Amino acid sequence: MLKGPDVSHYQGNIDFSILKTVRDFIIIKATEGVGYTDDKFLLNQTGARNAGMLLGYYHFARPDLGNTADAEATWFLKAIGSLKEGEVLCLDFEVSFAGRVVWCKSWLDKVFSVSKCKPVIYLNKSLAVGTDWSEVINAGYGLWLADYSYDPNSAVPSTKWPVTAFRQYSNKETVKGISGGADDNVFYGDTVAFKAYGFRPSESESDLQKELDEMRESRNKWKTMYEELKEKEEKETREYQEHIKNLQSSIAEQSNTIVTLNQTISESALEKTKLLEERDALKAAVVDITTKKDAEIARLTKLYKEISEKCAALEKKITELQKKLKENLAGYTKWELFKELWRR
């Protein structure tokens, strides 16, 4: 016996890495009526497949809205896309509708004719027992019975079906990996039996599916490589743009520096010209002063020489007079002596 929940968007985001440790399979809502696909269908389909869980899809029938079985079956098949081996298809019938058996048989036949996989039909115990489903039973469509005993090991109620494939035993089970309550089910068989209820591709289809899987794997590999290269390119582009920005900033700073330097050079050149003019003026003044000084020194030197010569002559005369005084002018009075010196 296997266990697994059935879910829809009401269960929110499911953690399949946890769910697969506590449950064997999962049946997810795909569509309802015509035109509606469950909000979480693709997310749940991908999650269950990636987790490697046994998987089934169900369609909620709405003949009460006037939809034909053919239209709803077509919508369901379009939504679920290509099936993988062992995936189970289900019709969930719960609404009040007088021609339920004919409508359901038409839906089941349409899905089987296209997918080559016989769906099972979900019915509550009242509908399963209180309606003549012999046409469906005789066509070989299995039963998924809703019977809330809240015990997966309780006895299976008797119906016209020779066996019950699935039984929904609870509508408020706590299941790890799913937030809040969830419907829970048992499948009366093993993994091989579960897959026998599901899609079984022919040999050519199996080879094609294998090829498609390989192509998808290759595509994903190249996609990953492309994304890595794209990320690398975007990173390099960002770095290059940042480098260019820094260069532009540096150039702007250098331009400002050059402008400042040019201004400083111009000011310095003007100052240099002014200083040169002042220097030349000072040089001329020094030359002028030096020339005048040299002339004055020459004049003073000449005057000094003349005075020196006069002093020397006077000194000589004084010496001679003194000598003469000693020798020849003895007996002169001071006045006479003065007159004699003045005369001389």
C-alpha atoms as a PDB file:
ATOM      1  CA  MET A   1       0.000   0.000   0.000  1.00  0.00           C
ATOM      2  CA  LEU A   2       1.253   3.465  -0.937  1.00  0.00           C
ATOM      3  CA  LYS A   3       0.274   6.816   0.521  1.00  0.00           C
ATOM      4  CA  GLY A   4       0.043  10.265  -1.056  1.00  0.00           C
ATOM      5  CA  PRO A   5      -1.900  13.553  -0.906  1.00  0.00           C
ATOM      6  CA  ASP A   6      -3.950  15.229  -3.603  1.00  0.00           C
ATOM      7  CA  VAL A   7      -3.344  18.959  -3.833  1.00  0.00           C
ATOM      8  CA  SER A   8      -4.274  22.178  -5.594  1.00  0.00           C
ATOM      9  CA  HIS A   9      -3.352  25.841  -5.229  1.00  0.00           C
ATOM     10  CA  TYR A  10      -5.015  25.836  -1.804  1.00  0.00           C
ATOM     11  CA  GLN A  11      -1.974  24.027  -0.404  1.00  0.00           C
ATOM     12  CA  GLY A  12       0.367  26.833  -1.512  1.00  0.00           C
ATOM     13  CA  ASN A  13       4.006  26.078  -2.244  1.00  0.00           C
ATOM     14  CA  ILE A  14       4.979  22.503  -1.460  1.00  0.00           C
ATOM     15  CA  ASP A  15       8.431  21.430  -0.289  1.00  0.00           C
ATOM     16  CA  PHE A  16       8.858  18.276  -2.362  1.00  0.00           C
ATOM     17  CA  SER A  17      12.263  17.485  -0.862  1.00  0.00           C
ATOM     18  CA  ILE A  18      10.461  16.941   2.462  1.00  0.00           C
ATOM     19  CA  LEU A  19       7.235  15.483   1.040  1.00  0.00           C
ATOM     20  CA  LYS A  20       9.017  12.659  -0.789  1.00  0.00           C
ATOM     21  CA  THR A  21      10.472  11.446   2.536  1.00  0.00           C
ATOM     22  CA  VAL A  22       6.995  10.841   4.022  1.00  0.00           C
ATOM     23  CA  ARG A  23       4.759  10.068   0.997  1.00  0.00           C
ATOM     24  CA  ASP A  24       5.040   7.812  -2.056  1.00  0.00           C
ATOM     25  CA  PHE A  25       2.942   9.675  -4.608  1.00  0.00           C
ATOM     26  CA  ILE A  26       1.036  12.891  -5.204  1.00  0.00           C
ATOM     27  CA  ILE A  27      -2.019  13.705  -7.330  1.00  0.00           C
ATOM     28  CA  ILE A  28      -2.189  17.339  -8.392  1.00  0.00           C
ATOM     29  CA  LYS A  29      -5.073  19.362  -9.728  1.00  0.00           C
ATOM     30  CA  ALA A  30      -4.539  20.329 -13.344  1.00  0.00           C
ATOM     31  CA  THR A  31      -7.759  21.849 -14.664  1.00  0.00           C
ATOM     32  CA  GLU A  32     -11.409  22.592 -14.014  1.00  0.00           C
ATOM     33  CA  GLY A  33     -14.160  22.960 -16.584  1.00  0.00           C
ATOM     34  CA  VAL A  34     -12.940  24.682 -19.742  1.00  0.00           C
ATOM     35  CA  GLY A  35     -10.369  27.476 -19.610  1.00  0.00           C
ATOM     36  CA  TYR A  36      -9.168  27.110 -16.008  1.00  0.00           C
ATOM     37  CA  THR A  37      -5.770  25.712 -15.047  1.00  0.00           C
ATOM     38  CA  ASP A  38      -4.814  25.495 -11.386  1.00  0.00           C
ATOM     39  CA  ASP A  39      -2.447  28.312 -10.359  1.00  0.00           C
ATOM     40  CA  LYS A  40       0.092  25.880  -8.892  1.00  0.00           C
ATOM     41  CA  PHE A  41      -0.170  23.176 -11.566  1.00  0.00           C
ATOM     42  CA  LEU A  42       3.092  23.787 -13.420  1.00  0.00           C
ATOM     43  CA  LEU A  43       4.999  24.427 -10.182  1.00  0.00           C
ATOM     44  CA  ASN A  44       3.644  21.210  -8.647  1.00  0.00           C
ATOM     45  CA  GLN A  45       4.222  19.181 -11.824  1.00  0.00           C
ATOM     46  CA  THR A  46       7.834  20.314 -12.038  1.00  0.00           C
ATOM     47  CA  GLY A  47       8.417  19.824  -8.319  1.00  0.00           C
ATOM     48  CA  ALA A  48       7.002  16.290  -8.256  1.00  0.00           C
ATOM     49  CA  ARG A  49       8.915  15.232 -11.375  1.00  0.00           C
ATOM     50  CA  ASN A  50      12.198  16.674 -10.101  1.00  0.00           C
ATOM     51  CA  ALA A  51      11.664  14.909  -6.769  1.00  0.00           C
ATOM     52  CA  GLY A  52      11.090  11.600  -8.591  1.00  0.00           C
ATOM     53  CA  MET A  53       7.684  10.992  -6.973  1.00  0.00           C
ATOM     54  CA  LEU A  54       4.896   8.885  -8.454  1.00  0.00           C
ATOM     55  CA  LEU A  55       2.527  11.392 -10.000  1.00  0.00           C
ATOM     56  CA  GLY A  56      -1.085  11.776 -11.061  1.00  0.00           C
ATOM     57  CA  TYR A  57      -3.247  14.606 -12.459  1.00  0.00           C
ATOM     58  CA  TYR A  58      -6.922  15.275 -11.909  1.00  0.00           C
ATOM     59  CA  HIS A  59      -9.547  17.323 -13.730  1.00  0.00           C
ATOM     60  CA  PHE A  60     -12.525  18.738 -11.833  1.00  0.00           C
ATOM     61  CA  ALA A  61     -15.624  18.161 -13.981  1.00  0.00           C
ATOM     62  CA  ARG A  62     -18.139  20.991 -14.522  1.00  0.00           C
ATOM     63  CA  PRO A  63     -20.954  19.657 -16.729  1.00  0.00           C
ATOM     64  CA  ASP A  64     -23.280  21.751 -14.561  1.00  0.00           C
ATOM     65  CA  LEU A  65     -21.890  24.799 -16.413  1.00  0.00           C
ATOM     66  CA  GLY A  66     -23.050  23.397 -19.733  1.00  0.00           C
ATOM     67  CA  ASN A  67     -19.597  22.198 -20.835  1.00  0.00           C
ATOM     68  CA  THR A  68     -19.350  19.140 -23.059  1.00  0.00           C
ATOM     69  CA  ALA A  69     -17.237  16.166 -21.997  1.00  0.00           C
ATOM     70  CA  ASP A  70     -15.205  16.466 -25.186  1.00  0.00           C
ATOM     71  CA  ALA A  71     -14.380  20.156 -24.569  1.00  0.00           C
ATOM     72  CA  GLU A  72     -13.295  19.517 -20.973  1.00  0.00           C
ATOM     73  CA  ALA A  73     -11.230  16.459 -21.921  1.00  0.00           C
ATOM     74  CA  THR A  74      -9.491  18.428 -24.667  1.00  0.00           C
ATOM     75  CA  TRP A  75      -8.721  21.260 -22.258  1.00  0.00           C
ATOM     76  CA  PHE A  76      -7.321  18.813 -19.682  1.00  0.00           C
ATOM     77  CA  LEU A  77      -5.076  17.046 -22.199  1.00  0.00           C
ATOM     78  CA  LYS A  78      -3.757  20.351 -23.510  1.00  0.00           C
ATOM     79  CA  ALA A  79      -2.917  21.574 -20.006  1.00  0.00           C
ATOM     80  CA  ILE A  80      -1.026  18.493 -18.794  1.00  0.00           C
ATOM     81  CA  GLY A  81       1.127  18.273 -21.926  1.00  0.00           C
ATOM     82  CA  SER A  82       3.370  15.285 -22.693  1.00  0.00           C
ATOM     83  CA  LEU A  83       3.056  12.519 -20.140  1.00  0.00           C
ATOM     84  CA  LYS A  84       5.912  10.656 -18.541  1.00  0.00           C
ATOM     85  CA  GLU A  85       5.819   6.927 -17.955  1.00  0.00           C
ATOM     86  CA  GLY A  86       3.627   5.901 -15.010  1.00  0.00           C
ATOM     87  CA  GLU A  87       1.761   9.213 -14.634  1.00  0.00           C
ATOM     88  CA  VAL A  88      -1.902   8.612 -13.737  1.00  0.00           C
ATOM     89  CA  LEU A  89      -4.925  10.534 -15.088  1.00  0.00           C
ATOM     90  CA  CYS A  90      -8.086  11.127 -13.036  1.00  0.00           C
ATOM     91  CA  LEU A  91     -11.560  12.604 -13.445  1.00  0.00           C
ATOM     92  CA  ASP A  92     -12.900  14.263 -10.279  1.00  0.00           C
ATOM     93  CA  PHE A  93     -16.696  14.204 -10.441  1.00  0.00           C
ATOM     94  CA  GLU A  94     -18.555  15.856  -7.553  1.00  0.00           C
ATOM     95  CA  VAL A  95     -21.292  18.107  -8.999  1.00  0.00           C
ATOM     96  CA  SER A  96     -25.004  17.411  -9.397  1.00  0.00           C
ATOM     97  CA  PHE A  97     -25.774  16.484 -13.001  1.00  0.00           C
ATOM     98  CA  ALA A  98     -28.531  14.161 -14.296  1.00  0.00           C
ATOM     99  CA  GLY A  99     -26.536  12.599 -17.173  1.00  0.00           C
ATOM    100  CA  ARG A 100     -23.435  12.015 -15.083  1.00  0.00           C
ATOM    101  CA  VAL A 101     -22.651   8.465 -16.272  1.00  0.00           C
ATOM    102  CA  VAL A 102     -22.855   9.265 -19.990  1.00  0.00           C
ATOM    103  CA  TRP A 103     -20.930  12.517 -19.524  1.00  0.00           C
ATOM    104  CA  CYS A 104     -18.171  10.891 -17.444  1.00  0.00           C
ATOM    105  CA  LYS A 105     -17.884   7.904 -19.851  1.00  0.00           C
ATOM    106  CA  SER A 106     -17.497  10.329 -22.768  1.00  0.00           C
ATOM    107  CA  TRP A 107     -14.762  12.257 -20.925  1.00  0.00           C
ATOM    108  CA  LEU A 108     -12.913   9.071 -19.960  1.00  0.00           C
ATOM    109  CA  ASP A 109     -13.135   7.690 -23.501  1.00  0.00           C
ATOM    110  CA  LYS A 110     -11.859  10.933 -25.033  1.00  0.00           C
ATOM    111  CA  VAL A 111      -8.866  11.094 -22.712  1.00  0.00           C
ATOM    112  CA  PHE A 112      -8.071   7.407 -23.280  1.00  0.00           C
ATOM    113  CA  SER A 113      -8.324   7.696 -27.072  1.00  0.00           C
ATOM    114  CA  VAL A 114      -5.820  10.545 -27.141  1.00  0.00           C
ATOM    115  CA  SER A 115      -3.404   9.579 -24.343  1.00  0.00           C
ATOM    116  CA  LYS A 116      -3.681   5.742 -24.572  1.00  0.00           C
ATOM    117  CA  CYS A 117      -3.877   5.850 -20.780  1.00  0.00           C
ATOM    118  CA  LYS A 118      -7.066   4.765 -19.002  1.00  0.00           C
ATOM    119  CA  PRO A 119      -8.053   7.363 -16.386  1.00  0.00           C
ATOM    120  CA  VAL A 120      -9.606   6.560 -13.023  1.00  0.00           C
ATOM    121  CA  ILE A 121     -12.731   8.309 -11.762  1.00  0.00           C
ATOM    122  CA  TYR A 122     -13.008  10.019  -8.368  1.00  0.00           C
ATOM    123  CA  LEU A 123     -16.396   9.603  -6.655  1.00  0.00           C
ATOM    124  CA  ASN A 124     -17.643   9.950  -3.105  1.00  0.00           C
ATOM    125  CA  LYS A 125     -19.157   6.826  -1.578  1.00  0.00           C
ATOM    126  CA  SER A 126     -22.727   8.078  -2.062  1.00  0.00           C
ATOM    127  CA  LEU A 127     -22.271   8.650  -5.811  1.00  0.00           C
ATOM    128  CA  ALA A 128     -20.284   5.451  -6.280  1.00  0.00           C
ATOM    129  CA  VAL A 129     -22.919   3.282  -4.600  1.00  0.00           C
ATOM    130  CA  GLY A 130     -26.085   5.185  -5.523  1.00  0.00           C
ATOM    131  CA  THR A 131     -25.510   5.393  -9.296  1.00  0.00           C
ATOM    132  CA  ASP A 132     -25.287   2.668 -11.933  1.00  0.00           C
ATOM    133  CA  TRP A 133     -21.730   3.042 -13.224  1.00  0.00           C
ATOM    134  CA  SER A 134     -21.703  -0.287 -15.075  1.00  0.00           C
ATOM    135  CA  GLU A 135     -20.794   1.348 -18.426  1.00  0.00           C
ATOM    136  CA  VAL A 136     -17.740   2.929 -16.838  1.00  0.00           C
ATOM    137  CA  ILE A 137     -16.815  -0.210 -14.908  1.00  0.00           C
ATOM    138  CA  ASN A 138     -17.194  -2.482 -17.934  1.00  0.00           C
ATOM    139  CA  ALA A 139     -14.965  -0.157 -19.981  1.00  0.00           C
ATOM    140  CA  GLY A 140     -12.165  -0.830 -17.467  1.00  0.00           C
ATOM    141  CA  TYR A 141     -11.906   2.576 -15.797  1.00  0.00           C
ATOM    142  CA  GLY A 142     -10.662   2.314 -12.211  1.00  0.00           C
ATOM    143  CA  LEU A 143     -12.136   3.873  -9.061  1.00  0.00           C
ATOM    144  CA  TRP A 144     -10.729   6.535  -6.764  1.00  0.00           C
ATOM    145  CA  LEU A 145     -13.123   6.467  -3.810  1.00  0.00           C
ATOM    146  CA  ALA A 146     -13.639   9.269  -1.278  1.00  0.00           C
ATOM    147  CA  ASP A 147     -14.407   7.688   2.116  1.00  0.00           C
ATOM    148  CA  TYR A 148     -13.333   9.690   5.170  1.00  0.00           C
ATOM    149  CA  SER A 149     -12.586   7.077   7.790  1.00  0.00           C
ATOM    150  CA  TYR A 150      -9.441   9.043   8.767  1.00  0.00           C
ATOM    151  CA  ASP A 151      -7.690   5.698   9.019  1.00  0.00           C
ATOM    152  CA  PRO A 152      -5.614   4.519   6.041  1.00  0.00           C
ATOM    153  CA  ASN A 153      -5.869   0.946   7.298  1.00  0.00           C
ATOM    154  CA  SER A 154      -9.661   0.823   7.642  1.00  0.00           C
ATOM    155  CA  ALA A 155     -11.698  -1.549   5.464  1.00  0.00           C
ATOM    156  CA  VAL A 156     -12.592  -0.422   1.938  1.00  0.00           C
ATOM    157  CA  PRO A 157     -16.357   0.071   1.423  1.00  0.00           C
ATOM    158  CA  SER A 158     -17.982  -2.261  -1.087  1.00  0.00           C
ATOM    159  CA  THR A 159     -18.922  -0.864  -4.527  1.00  0.00           C
ATOM    160  CA  LYS A 160     -19.761  -2.291  -7.954  1.00  0.00           C
ATOM    161  CA  TRP A 161     -16.096  -1.975  -8.943  1.00  0.00           C
ATOM    162  CA  PRO A 162     -14.197  -5.252  -8.555  1.00  0.00           C
ATOM    163  CA  VAL A 163     -11.344  -3.344  -6.845  1.00  0.00           C
ATOM    164  CA  THR A 164     -10.773   0.130  -5.528  1.00  0.00           C
ATOM    165  CA  ALA A 165      -7.521   1.593  -6.855  1.00  0.00           C
ATOM    166  CA  PHE A 166      -7.295   4.672  -4.631  1.00  0.00           C
ATOM    167  CA  ARG A 167      -9.125   5.735  -1.492  1.00  0.00           C
ATOM    168  CA  GLN A 168      -9.213   9.262  -0.125  1.00  0.00           C
ATOM    169  CA  TYR A 169      -9.422   8.472   3.584  1.00  0.00           C
ATOM    170  CA  SER A 170      -8.909  12.010   5.013  1.00  0.00           C
ATOM    171  CA  ASN A 171      -9.617  15.613   4.067  1.00  0.00           C
ATOM    172  CA  LYS A 172      -7.625  17.197   6.913  1.00  0.00           C
ATOM    173  CA  GLU A 173      -4.378  15.303   7.196  1.00  0.00           C
ATOM    174  CA  THR A 174      -1.152  16.922   8.387  1.00  0.00           C
ATOM    175  CA  VAL A 175       1.565  16.089   5.893  1.00  0.00           C
ATOM    176  CA  LYS A 176       5.185  17.217   6.192  1.00  0.00           C
ATOM    177  CA  GLY A 177       6.188  19.463   3.305  1.00  0.00           C
ATOM    178  CA  ILE A 178       2.644  20.861   2.980  1.00  0.00           C
ATOM    179  CA  SER A 179       1.460  23.789   5.076  1.00  0.00           C
ATOM    180  CA  GLY A 180      -2.014  23.422   6.566  1.00  0.00           C
ATOM    181  CA  GLY A 181      -4.331  20.464   6.133  1.00  0.00           C
ATOM    182  CA  ALA A 182      -4.400  18.284   3.027  1.00  0.00           C
ATOM    183  CA  ASP A 183      -6.420  15.448   1.520  1.00  0.00           C
ATOM    184  CA  ASP A 184      -4.601  12.140   1.959  1.00  0.00           C
ATOM    185  CA  ASN A 185      -4.994   8.893   0.032  1.00  0.00           C
ATOM    186  CA  VAL A 186      -3.901   5.304  -0.123  1.00  0.00           C
ATOM    187  CA  PHE A 187      -3.205   3.268  -3.244  1.00  0.00           C
ATOM    188  CA  TYR A 188      -3.855  -0.429  -2.907  1.00  0.00           C
ATOM    189  CA  GLY A 189      -0.764  -1.747  -4.623  1.00  0.00           C
ATOM    190  CA  ASP A 190       2.957  -1.189  -5.063  1.00  0.00           C
ATOM    191  CA  THR A 191       4.958   1.099  -7.334  1.00  0.00           C
ATOM    192  CA  VAL A 192       4.675  -1.284 -10.288  1.00  0.00           C
ATOM    193  CA  ALA A 193       0.887  -1.448  -9.890  1.00  0.00           C
ATOM    194  CA  PHE A 194       0.655   2.351  -9.606  1.00  0.00           C
ATOM    195  CA  LYS A 195       2.558   2.781 -12.858  1.00  0.00           C
ATOM    196  CA  ALA A 196       0.315   0.170 -14.500  1.00  0.00           C
ATOM    197  CA  TYR A 197      -2.614   2.559 -13.976  1.00  0.00           C
ATOM    198  CA  GLY A 198      -0.525   5.299 -15.555  1.00  0.00           C
ATOM    199  CA  PHE A 199       0.801   6.192 -18.966  1.00  0.00           C
ATOM    200  CA  ARG A 200       2.798   3.472 -20.733  1.00  0.00           C
ATOM    201  CA  PRO A 201       4.541   4.648 -23.890  1.00  0.00           C
ATOM    202  CA  SER A 202       5.047   2.275 -26.788  1.00  0.00           C
ATOM    203  CA  GLU A 203       8.595   1.240 -27.648  1.00  0.00           C
ATOM    204  CA  SER A 204       8.886   3.940 -30.301  1.00  0.00           C
ATOM    205  CA  GLU A 205       7.320   6.468 -27.938  1.00  0.00           C
ATOM    206  CA  SER A 206       9.669   5.337 -25.196  1.00  0.00           C
ATOM    207  CA  ASP A 207      12.669   5.846 -27.473  1.00  0.00           C
ATOM    208  CA  LEU A 208      11.310   9.216 -28.531  1.00  0.00           C
ATOM    209  CA  GLN A 209      10.714  10.185 -24.913  1.00  0.00           C
ATOM    210  CA  LYS A 210      14.246   9.142 -24.048  1.00  0.00           C
ATOM    211  CA  GLU A 211      15.569  11.208 -26.932  1.00  0.00           C
ATOM    212  CA  LEU A 212      13.442  14.158 -25.854  1.00  0.00           C
ATOM    213  CA  ASP A 213      14.686  13.803 -22.281  1.00  0.00           C
ATOM    214  CA  GLU A 214      18.275  13.754 -23.544  1.00  0.00           C
ATOM    215  CA  MET A 215      17.558  16.797 -25.690  1.00  0.00           C
ATOM    216  CA  ARG A 216      16.020  18.583 -22.716  1.00  0.00           C
ATOM    217  CA  GLU A 217      19.015  17.647 -20.589  1.00  0.00           C
ATOM    218  CA  SER A 218      21.357  18.915 -23.297  1.00  0.00           C
ATOM    219  CA  ARG A 219      19.261  22.070 -23.656  1.00  0.00           C
ATOM    220  CA  ASN A 220      19.354  22.651 -19.911  1.00  0.00           C
ATOM    221  CA  LYS A 221      23.112  22.113 -19.943  1.00  0.00           C
ATOM    222  CA  TRP A 222      23.602  24.647 -22.726  1.00  0.00           C
ATOM    223  CA  LYS A 223      21.094  26.973 -21.079  1.00  0.00           C
ATOM    224  CA  THR A 224      23.091  26.791 -17.836  1.00  0.00           C
ATOM    225  CA  MET A 225      26.304  27.415 -19.756  1.00  0.00           C
ATOM    226  CA  TYR A 226      24.670  30.322 -21.600  1.00  0.00           C
ATOM    227  CA  GLU A 227      23.406  31.829 -18.352  1.00  0.00           C
ATOM    228  CA  GLU A 228      26.864  31.460 -16.788  1.00  0.00           C
ATOM    229  CA  LEU A 229      28.493  33.103 -19.815  1.00  0.00           C
ATOM    230  CA  LYS A 230      25.812  35.791 -19.837  1.00  0.00           C
ATOM    231  CA  GLU A 231      26.353  36.432 -16.142  1.00  0.00           C
ATOM    232  CA  LYS A 232      30.114  36.559 -16.719  1.00  0.00           C
ATOM    233  CA  GLU A 233      29.660  38.943 -19.652  1.00  0.00           C
ATOM    234  CA  GLU A 234      27.302  41.152 -17.638  1.00  0.00           C
ATOM    235  CA  LYS A 235      29.812  41.168 -14.776  1.00  0.00           C
ATOM    236  CA  GLU A 236      32.666  42.066 -17.130  1.00  0.00           C
ATOM    237  CA  THR A 237      30.474  44.728 -18.760  1.00  0.00           C
ATOM    238  CA  ARG A 238      29.668  46.205 -15.353  1.00  0.00           C
ATOM    239  CA  GLU A 239      33.358  46.157 -14.424  1.00  0.00           C
ATOM    240  CA  TYR A 240      34.286  47.741 -17.785  1.00  0.00           C
ATOM    241  CA  GLN A 241      31.633  50.416 -17.366  1.00  0.00           C
ATOM    242  CA  GLU A 242      32.883  51.075 -13.843  1.00  0.00           C
ATOM    243  CA  HIS A 243      36.451  51.271 -15.214  1.00  0.00           C
ATOM    244  CA  ILE A 244      35.343  53.717 -17.925  1.00  0.00           C
ATOM    245  CA  LYS A 245      33.488  55.732 -15.290  1.00  0.00           C
ATOM    246  CA  ASN A 246      36.607  55.840 -13.130  1.00  0.00           C
ATOM    247  CA  LEU A 247      38.727  56.822 -16.152  1.00  0.00           C
ATOM    248  CA  GLN A 248      36.270  59.571 -17.044  1.00  0.00           C
ATOM    249  CA  SER A 249      36.363  60.785 -13.474  1.00  0.00           C
ATOM    250  CA  SER A 250      40.165  60.645 -13.498  1.00  0.00           C
ATOM    251  CA  ILE A 251      40.307  62.491 -16.844  1.00  0.00           C
ATOM    252  CA  ALA A 252      37.958  65.131 -15.481  1.00  0.00           C
ATOM    253  CA  GLU A 253      40.160  65.531 -12.408  1.00  0.00           C
ATOM    254  CA  GLN A 254      43.278  65.689 -14.584  1.00  0.00           C
ATOM    255  CA  SER A 255      41.595  68.224 -16.873  1.00  0.00           C
ATOM    256  CA  ASN A 256      40.817  70.382 -13.854  1.00  0.00           C
ATOM    257  CA  THR A 257      44.407  69.946 -12.711  1.00  0.00           C
ATOM    258  CA  ILE A 258      45.705  70.913 -16.170  1.00  0.00           C
ATOM    259  CA  VAL A 259      43.485  73.997 -16.204  1.00  0.00           C
ATOM    260  CA  THR A 260      44.753  74.922 -12.763  1.00  0.00           C
ATOM    261  CA  LEU A 261      48.372  74.286 -13.832  1.00  0.00           C
ATOM    262  CA  ASN A 262      47.936  76.344 -17.009  1.00  0.00           C
ATOM    263  CA  GLN A 263      46.478  79.161 -14.946  1.00  0.00           C
ATOM    264  CA  THR A 264      49.371  78.861 -12.500  1.00  0.00           C
ATOM    265  CA  ILE A 265      51.871  78.826 -15.402  1.00  0.00           C
ATOM    266  CA  SER A 266      50.264  81.953 -16.885  1.00  0.00           C
ATOM    267  CA  GLU A 267      50.355  83.702 -13.534  1.00  0.00           C
ATOM    268  CA  SER A 268      53.939  82.549 -12.991  1.00  0.00           C
ATOM    269  CA  ALA A 269      54.926  83.784 -16.452  1.00  0.00           C
ATOM    270  CA  LEU A 270      53.460  87.192 -15.682  1.00  0.00           C
ATOM    271  CA  GLU A 271      55.197  87.212 -12.333  1.00  0.00           C
ATOM    272  CA  LYS A 272      58.449  86.100 -14.020  1.00  0.00           C
ATOM    273  CA  THR A 273      58.163  88.964 -16.556  1.00  0.00           C
ATOM    274  CA  LYS A 274      57.537  91.419 -13.747  1.00  0.00           C
ATOM    275  CA  LEU A 275      60.474  90.069 -11.734  1.00  0.00           C
ATOM    276  CA  LEU A 276      62.736  90.207 -14.787  1.00  0.00           C
ATOM    277  CA  GLU A 277      61.755  93.854 -15.320  1.00  0.00           C
ATOM    278  CA  GLU A 278      62.458  94.603 -11.657  1.00  0.00           C
ATOM    279  CA  ARG A 279      65.749  92.708 -11.888  1.00  0.00           C
ATOM    280  CA  ASP A 280      66.821  94.641 -14.979  1.00  0.00           C
ATOM    281  CA  ALA A 281      65.858  97.911 -13.303  1.00  0.00           C
ATOM    282  CA  LEU A 282      67.886  96.976 -10.219  1.00  0.00           C
ATOM    283  CA  LYS A 283      70.802  95.845 -12.388  1.00  0.00           C
ATOM    284  CA  ALA A 284      70.755  99.192 -14.208  1.00  0.00           C
ATOM    285  CA  ALA A 285      70.561 101.001 -10.863  1.00  0.00           C
ATOM    286  CA  VAL A 286      73.477  98.937  -9.542  1.00  0.00           C
ATOM    287  CA  VAL A 287      75.508  99.701 -12.696  1.00  0.00           C
ATOM    288  CA  ASP A 288      74.665 103.382 -12.374  1.00  0.00           C
ATOM    289  CA  ILE A 289      75.494 103.425  -8.689  1.00  0.00           C
ATOM    290  CA  THR A 290      78.665 101.434  -9.350  1.00  0.00           C
ATOM    291  CA  THR A 291      79.716 103.838 -12.139  1.00  0.00           C
ATOM    292  CA  LYS A 292      79.070 106.843  -9.935  1.00  0.00           C
ATOM    293  CA  LYS A 293      80.801 105.157  -7.040  1.00  0.00           C
ATOM    294  CA  ASP A 294      83.855 104.359  -9.140  1.00  0.00           C
ATOM    295  CA  ALA A 295      84.035 107.993 -10.357  1.00  0.00           C
ATOM    296  CA  GLU A 296      83.648 109.263  -6.788  1.00  0.00           C
ATOM    297  CA  ILE A 297      86.271 106.834  -5.554  1.00  0.00           C
ATOM    298  CA  ALA A 298      88.630 107.961  -8.324  1.00  0.00           C
ATOM    299  CA  ARG A 299      87.994 111.638  -7.414  1.00  0.00           C
ATOM    300  CA  LEU A 300      88.441 110.981  -3.716  1.00  0.00           C
ATOM    301  CA  THR A 301      91.520 108.889  -4.433  1.00  0.00           C
ATOM    302  CA  LYS A 302      92.984 111.728  -6.501  1.00  0.00           C
ATOM    303  CA  LEU A 303      92.057 114.250  -3.810  1.00  0.00           C
ATOM    304  CA  TYR A 304      93.518 111.987  -1.166  1.00  0.00           C
ATOM    305  CA  LYS A 305      96.684 111.682  -3.203  1.00  0.00           C
ATOM    306  CA  GLU A 306      96.896 115.462  -3.640  1.00  0.00           C
ATOM    307  CA  ILE A 307      96.286 116.084   0.045  1.00  0.00           C
ATOM    308  CA  SER A 308      98.790 113.375   0.886  1.00  0.00           C
ATOM    309  CA  GLU A 309     101.331 114.981  -1.402  1.00  0.00           C
ATOM    310  CA  LYS A 310     100.620 118.415   0.169  1.00  0.00           C
ATOM    311  CA  CYS A 311     100.927 116.930   3.643  1.00  0.00           C
ATOM    312  CA  ALA A 312     104.192 115.297   2.662  1.00  0.00           C
ATOM    313  CA  ALA A 313     105.445 118.616   1.254  1.00  0.00           C
ATOM    314  CA  LEU A 314     104.364 120.440   4.399  1.00  0.00           C
ATOM    315  CA  GLU A 315     105.895 117.772   6.527  1.00  0.00           C
ATOM    316  CA  LYS A 316     109.159 118.199   4.592  1.00  0.00           C
ATOM    317  CA  LYS A 317     108.965 121.997   4.877  1.00  0.00           C
ATOM    318  CA  ILE A 318     108.261 121.725   8.591  1.00  0.00           C
ATOM    319  CA  THR A 319     111.222 119.456   9.013  1.00  0.00           C
ATOM    320  CA  GLU A 320     113.421 121.821   7.046  1.00  0.00           C
ATOM    321  CA  LEU A 321     112.137 124.776   9.050  1.00  0.00           C
ATOM    322  CA  GLN A 322     112.702 122.984  12.265  1.00  0.00           C
ATOM    323  CA  LYS A 323     116.209 122.180  11.134  1.00  0.00           C
ATOM    324  CA  LYS A 324     116.726 125.697   9.933  1.00  0.00           C
ATOM    325  CA  LEU A 325     115.306 127.010  13.154  1.00  0.00           C
ATOM    326  CA  LYS A 326     117.839 125.036  15.002  1.00  0.00           C
ATOM    327  CA  GLU A 327     120.622 126.050  12.751  1.00  0.00           C
ATOM    328  CA  ASN A 328     119.903 129.508  11.366  1.00  0.00           C
ATOM    329  CA  LEU A 329     117.073 131.196  13.173  1.00  0.00           C
ATOM    330  CA  ALA A 330     118.250 131.108  16.667  1.00  0.00           C
ATOM    331  CA  GLY A 331     117.343 134.376  18.489  1.00  0.00           C
ATOM    332  CA  TYR A 332     114.079 134.972  16.530  1.00  0.00           C
ATOM    333  CA  THR A 333     111.130 136.108  18.540  1.00  0.00           C
ATOM    334  CA  LYS A 334     107.922 134.101  18.283  1.00  0.00           C
ATOM    335  CA  TRP A 335     106.368 136.806  16.187  1.00  0.00           C
ATOM    336  CA  GLU A 336     109.301 136.974  13.889  1.00  0.00           C
ATOM    337  CA  LEU A 337     109.380 133.258  13.677  1.00  0.00           C
ATOM    338  CA  PHE A 338     105.693 133.156  12.758  1.00  0.00           C
ATOM    339  CA  LYS A 339     106.157 135.774  10.059  1.00  0.00           C
ATOM    340  CA  GLU A 340     109.079 133.858   8.677  1.00  0.00           C
ATOM    341  CA  LEU A 341     107.007 130.638   8.492  1.00  0.00           C
ATOM    342  CA  TRP A 342     104.067 132.383   6.910  1.00  0.00           C
ATOM    343  CA  ARG A 343     106.272 134.000   4.367  1.00  0.00           C
ATOM    344  CA  ARG A 344     107.816 130.814   3.455  1.00  0.00           C
END
